[in-house]
Amino acid sequence: MTLVNVALWIGGIALIAVGYTRAKGPWSRLQALKEQDANEARYASWRGGVRDTGTTGASVAMDILRRQAKIGATIAAIGFVLVFLGFLIK
């Protein structure tokens, strides 16, 4: 176990933690917005009305939240790669 291995492990664990915290909030809010959107679609079909499929504020918010969650997941994935490299390098 060298200093490089330990540095990669610590850096990887730190990136995993940062990525998780950055992705957790947007992901949960995205799921809540998807649930509300599906509920509204069911309600509109129950009423027999035509649903507008254009861009809405909720769809823009979902795109932003999805992008934020992807960025957080990418940071965490880079952390996993660093931890793996820490075990791989001798």
Protein backbone atom coordinates (compact mmCIF):
# COMPACT_ATOMS: atom_id res chain seq x y z
CA MET A 1 0.00 0.00 0.00
CA THR A 2 1.61 3.20 -1.17
CA LEU A 3 0.78 6.84 -0.72
CA VAL A 4 -0.68 6.94 -4.24
CA ASN A 5 -3.14 4.16 -3.39
CA VAL A 6 -4.29 5.91 -0.23
CA ALA A 7 -4.63 9.22 -2.06
CA LEU A 8 -6.75 7.58 -4.78
CA TRP A 9 -8.95 5.89 -2.17
CA ILE A 10 -9.50 9.08 -0.19
CA GLY A 11 -10.11 11.12 -3.34
CA GLY A 12 -12.49 8.50 -4.71
CA ILE A 13 -14.46 8.25 -1.48
CA ALA A 14 -14.69 12.04 -1.31
CA LEU A 15 -15.98 12.22 -4.90
CA ILE A 16 -18.51 9.48 -4.22
CA ALA A 17 -19.83 11.41 -1.23
CA VAL A 18 -19.97 14.70 -3.13
CA GLY A 19 -21.64 13.09 -6.14
CA TYR A 20 -24.23 11.36 -3.96
CA THR A 21 -25.15 14.55 -2.12
CA ARG A 22 -25.36 16.50 -5.38
CA ALA A 23 -27.57 13.88 -7.07
CA LYS A 24 -29.86 12.98 -4.16
CA GLY A 25 -31.92 16.19 -3.98
CA PRO A 26 -32.56 16.70 -7.71
CA TRP A 27 -33.33 13.00 -8.20
CA SER A 28 -35.99 12.92 -5.48
CA ARG A 29 -37.57 16.15 -6.77
CA LEU A 30 -37.51 14.78 -10.32
CA GLN A 31 -39.37 11.66 -9.21
CA ALA A 32 -41.98 13.80 -7.43
CA LEU A 33 -42.49 15.92 -10.57
CA LYS A 34 -42.82 12.79 -12.72
CA GLU A 35 -45.44 11.46 -10.33
CA GLN A 36 -47.38 14.73 -10.46
CA ASP A 37 -47.17 14.77 -14.25
CA ALA A 38 -48.47 11.20 -14.48
CA ASN A 39 -51.28 12.06 -12.07
CA GLU A 40 -52.26 15.06 -14.18
CA ALA A 41 -52.22 12.89 -17.32
CA ARG A 42 -54.53 10.35 -15.68
CA TYR A 43 -56.85 13.13 -14.56
CA ALA A 44 -56.94 14.68 -18.04
CA SER A 45 -57.74 11.33 -19.64
CA TRP A 46 -60.46 10.69 -17.03
CA ARG A 47 -62.04 14.05 -17.84
CA GLY A 48 -61.79 13.30 -21.55
CA GLY A 49 -59.92 16.49 -22.25
CA VAL A 50 -57.08 17.02 -24.66
CA ARG A 51 -53.75 17.33 -22.93
CA ASP A 52 -51.33 19.97 -24.15
CA THR A 53 -48.05 18.30 -25.05
CA GLY A 54 -46.09 21.52 -25.40
CA THR A 55 -43.25 22.71 -23.23
CA THR A 56 -44.34 23.52 -19.71
CA GLY A 57 -42.53 24.91 -16.71
CA ALA A 58 -42.62 21.46 -15.12
CA SER A 59 -41.00 19.84 -18.16
CA VAL A 60 -38.24 22.46 -18.15
CA ALA A 61 -37.73 21.88 -14.42
CA MET A 62 -37.56 18.11 -15.01
CA ASP A 63 -34.88 18.62 -17.67
CA ILE A 64 -32.83 20.79 -15.31
CA LEU A 65 -33.21 18.34 -12.42
CA ARG A 66 -32.32 15.41 -14.68
CA ARG A 67 -29.16 17.22 -15.79
CA GLN A 68 -28.20 18.00 -12.17
CA ALA A 69 -28.75 14.38 -11.15
CA LYS A 70 -26.62 13.17 -14.08
CA ILE A 71 -23.80 15.50 -13.09
CA GLY A 72 -23.90 14.19 -9.52
CA ALA A 73 -23.96 10.59 -10.75
CA THR A 74 -21.00 11.28 -13.05
CA ILE A 75 -19.01 12.71 -10.14
CA ALA A 76 -19.80 9.61 -8.08
CA ALA A 77 -18.82 7.35 -11.00
CA ILE A 78 -15.47 9.11 -11.28
CA GLY A 79 -15.03 8.48 -7.55
CA PHE A 80 -15.69 4.75 -8.07
CA VAL A 81 -13.09 4.71 -10.85
CA LEU A 82 -10.54 6.35 -8.57
CA VAL A 83 -11.19 3.82 -5.79
CA PHE A 84 -10.84 0.99 -8.34
CA LEU A 85 -7.58 2.46 -9.63
CA GLY A 86 -6.37 2.69 -6.04
CA PHE A 87 -6.75 -1.08 -5.75
CA LEU A 88 -5.39 -1.73 -9.24
CA ILE A 89 -2.17 0.30 -9.02
CA LYS A 90 0.67 -1.42 -7.17
